[in-house]
């Protein structure tokens, strides 16, 4: 069974990152406000990124990694701008 890591853009411009084993169901639950917490008060939501993972552990690892990224790095991922993503990662390592 595949798992997913996904990112949503909230109505206030914030990003939410999560993981699931049923992407369409989870996106619907977020949009309907069925998941209490961060996204329920920030609707409407826009699904901006998702990536399939082979295991739940891989999806959780990707979720935690993305959650630690800067806004600029998240937006480079959303755009699929691998050059910018690499440059932003390099800048962080140089600090």
C-alpha atoms as a PDB file:
ATOM      1  CA  UNK A   1       0.000   0.000   0.000  1.00  0.00           C
ATOM      2  CA  UNK A   2       1.435   3.401  -0.910  1.00  0.00           C
ATOM      3  CA  UNK A   3       1.651   6.262   1.529  1.00  0.00           C
ATOM      4  CA  UNK A   4       1.736   9.953   0.740  1.00  0.00           C
ATOM      5  CA  UNK A   5       3.353  13.085   2.059  1.00  0.00           C
ATOM      6  CA  UNK A   6       1.373  16.175   1.074  1.00  0.00           C
ATOM      7  CA  UNK A   7       1.326  19.939   1.489  1.00  0.00           C
ATOM      8  CA  UNK A   8      -1.630  22.292   1.647  1.00  0.00           C
ATOM      9  CA  UNK A   9      -1.683  26.071   1.285  1.00  0.00           C
ATOM     10  CA  UNK A  10      -4.107  27.515   3.812  1.00  0.00           C
ATOM     11  CA  UNK A  11      -6.331  30.551   3.236  1.00  0.00           C
ATOM     12  CA  UNK A  12      -3.966  32.650   5.377  1.00  0.00           C
ATOM     13  CA  UNK A  13      -0.993  31.642   3.181  1.00  0.00           C
ATOM     14  CA  UNK A  14       0.505  29.222   5.705  1.00  0.00           C
ATOM     15  CA  UNK A  15       1.617  25.748   4.638  1.00  0.00           C
ATOM     16  CA  UNK A  16       0.523  22.520   6.278  1.00  0.00           C
ATOM     17  CA  UNK A  17       2.396  19.257   5.708  1.00  0.00           C
ATOM     18  CA  UNK A  18       1.029  15.822   6.552  1.00  0.00           C
ATOM     19  CA  UNK A  19       1.080  12.170   5.558  1.00  0.00           C
ATOM     20  CA  UNK A  20      -1.601   9.582   4.828  1.00  0.00           C
ATOM     21  CA  UNK A  21      -2.333   6.237   3.211  1.00  0.00           C
ATOM     22  CA  UNK A  22      -5.406   7.618   1.364  1.00  0.00           C
ATOM     23  CA  UNK A  23      -4.611  10.992  -0.169  1.00  0.00           C
ATOM     24  CA  UNK A  24      -8.001  11.828  -1.691  1.00  0.00           C
ATOM     25  CA  UNK A  25      -9.901  10.920   1.470  1.00  0.00           C
ATOM     26  CA  UNK A  26      -7.516  12.936   3.665  1.00  0.00           C
ATOM     27  CA  UNK A  27      -7.703  15.998   1.401  1.00  0.00           C
ATOM     28  CA  UNK A  28     -11.494  15.836   1.534  1.00  0.00           C
ATOM     29  CA  UNK A  29     -11.435  15.549   5.315  1.00  0.00           C
ATOM     30  CA  UNK A  30      -9.214  18.645   5.574  1.00  0.00           C
ATOM     31  CA  UNK A  31     -11.412  20.625   3.190  1.00  0.00           C
ATOM     32  CA  UNK A  32     -14.590  19.684   5.071  1.00  0.00           C
ATOM     33  CA  UNK A  33     -13.046  20.642   8.417  1.00  0.00           C
ATOM     34  CA  UNK A  34     -13.327  17.058   9.704  1.00  0.00           C
ATOM     35  CA  UNK A  35      -9.770  17.112  11.040  1.00  0.00           C
ATOM     36  CA  UNK A  36      -9.628  19.383  14.067  1.00  0.00           C
ATOM     37  CA  UNK A  37      -6.517  21.433  14.551  1.00  0.00           C
ATOM     38  CA  UNK A  38      -4.339  23.554  12.341  1.00  0.00           C
ATOM     39  CA  UNK A  39      -6.225  23.402   9.037  1.00  0.00           C
ATOM     40  CA  UNK A  40      -9.795  23.455  10.338  1.00  0.00           C
ATOM     41  CA  UNK A  41      -9.696  27.215  10.999  1.00  0.00           C
ATOM     42  CA  UNK A  42      -7.653  28.051   7.880  1.00  0.00           C
ATOM     43  CA  UNK A  43      -9.970  26.936   5.093  1.00  0.00           C
ATOM     44  CA  UNK A  44     -10.290  26.982   2.156  1.00  0.00           C
ATOM     45  CA  UNK A  45      -7.219  24.896   1.467  1.00  0.00           C
ATOM     46  CA  UNK A  46      -5.293  24.274  -1.732  1.00  0.00           C
ATOM     47  CA  UNK A  47      -3.455  21.011  -2.352  1.00  0.00           C
ATOM     48  CA  UNK A  48      -0.060  22.188  -3.645  1.00  0.00           C
ATOM     49  CA  UNK A  49       2.234  19.150  -3.390  1.00  0.00           C
ATOM     50  CA  UNK A  50       2.161  15.402  -2.852  1.00  0.00           C
ATOM     51  CA  UNK A  51       4.641  12.594  -3.230  1.00  0.00           C
ATOM     52  CA  UNK A  52       4.084   8.873  -3.019  1.00  0.00           C
ATOM     53  CA  UNK A  53       6.242   6.930  -0.553  1.00  0.00           C
ATOM     54  CA  UNK A  54       6.750   3.187  -0.233  1.00  0.00           C
ATOM     55  CA  UNK A  55       6.292   2.979   3.545  1.00  0.00           C
ATOM     56  CA  UNK A  56       4.663   4.933   6.348  1.00  0.00           C
ATOM     57  CA  UNK A  57       8.120   5.515   7.843  1.00  0.00           C
ATOM     58  CA  UNK A  58       9.328   7.078   4.580  1.00  0.00           C
ATOM     59  CA  UNK A  59       6.248   9.333   4.452  1.00  0.00           C
ATOM     60  CA  UNK A  60       6.689  10.407   8.084  1.00  0.00           C
ATOM     61  CA  UNK A  61      10.376  11.100   7.458  1.00  0.00           C
ATOM     62  CA  UNK A  62       9.568  13.254   4.427  1.00  0.00           C
ATOM     63  CA  UNK A  63       6.839  15.072   6.381  1.00  0.00           C
ATOM     64  CA  UNK A  64       9.210  15.909   9.224  1.00  0.00           C
ATOM     65  CA  UNK A  65      11.926  17.006   6.824  1.00  0.00           C
ATOM     66  CA  UNK A  66       9.593  19.349   4.912  1.00  0.00           C
ATOM     67  CA  UNK A  67       8.130  20.757   8.146  1.00  0.00           C
ATOM     68  CA  UNK A  68      11.651  21.850   9.106  1.00  0.00           C
ATOM     69  CA  UNK A  69      12.212  23.749   5.872  1.00  0.00           C
ATOM     70  CA  UNK A  70      11.955  27.484   5.320  1.00  0.00           C
ATOM     71  CA  UNK A  71       9.027  28.947   3.404  1.00  0.00           C
ATOM     72  CA  UNK A  72      11.330  29.618   0.430  1.00  0.00           C
ATOM     73  CA  UNK A  73      12.429  25.992   0.326  1.00  0.00           C
ATOM     74  CA  UNK A  74       8.835  24.728   0.552  1.00  0.00           C
ATOM     75  CA  UNK A  75       7.832  27.021  -2.315  1.00  0.00           C
ATOM     76  CA  UNK A  76      10.757  25.787  -4.440  1.00  0.00           C
ATOM     77  CA  UNK A  77       9.525  22.214  -3.834  1.00  0.00           C
ATOM     78  CA  UNK A  78       5.981  23.187  -4.812  1.00  0.00           C
ATOM     79  CA  UNK A  79       7.273  24.783  -8.041  1.00  0.00           C
ATOM     80  CA  UNK A  80       9.485  21.785  -8.752  1.00  0.00           C
ATOM     81  CA  UNK A  81      12.450  24.166  -8.913  1.00  0.00           C
ATOM     82  CA  UNK A  82      15.202  21.689  -8.093  1.00  0.00           C
ATOM     83  CA  UNK A  83      17.956  24.267  -8.735  1.00  0.00           C
ATOM     84  CA  UNK A  84      16.537  26.666  -6.158  1.00  0.00           C
ATOM     85  CA  UNK A  85      15.879  23.815  -3.742  1.00  0.00           C
ATOM     86  CA  UNK A  86      19.493  22.688  -4.045  1.00  0.00           C
ATOM     87  CA  UNK A  87      20.803  26.248  -3.630  1.00  0.00           C
ATOM     88  CA  UNK A  88      18.670  26.798  -0.525  1.00  0.00           C
ATOM     89  CA  UNK A  89      19.902  23.507   0.936  1.00  0.00           C
ATOM     90  CA  UNK A  90      23.522  24.482   0.210  1.00  0.00           C
ATOM     91  CA  UNK A  91      23.097  27.861   1.883  1.00  0.00           C
ATOM     92  CA  UNK A  92      21.868  26.191   5.060  1.00  0.00           C
ATOM     93  CA  UNK A  93      24.832  23.797   5.170  1.00  0.00           C
ATOM     94  CA  UNK A  94      27.295  26.696   4.884  1.00  0.00           C
ATOM     95  CA  UNK A  95      26.001  28.380   8.049  1.00  0.00           C
END
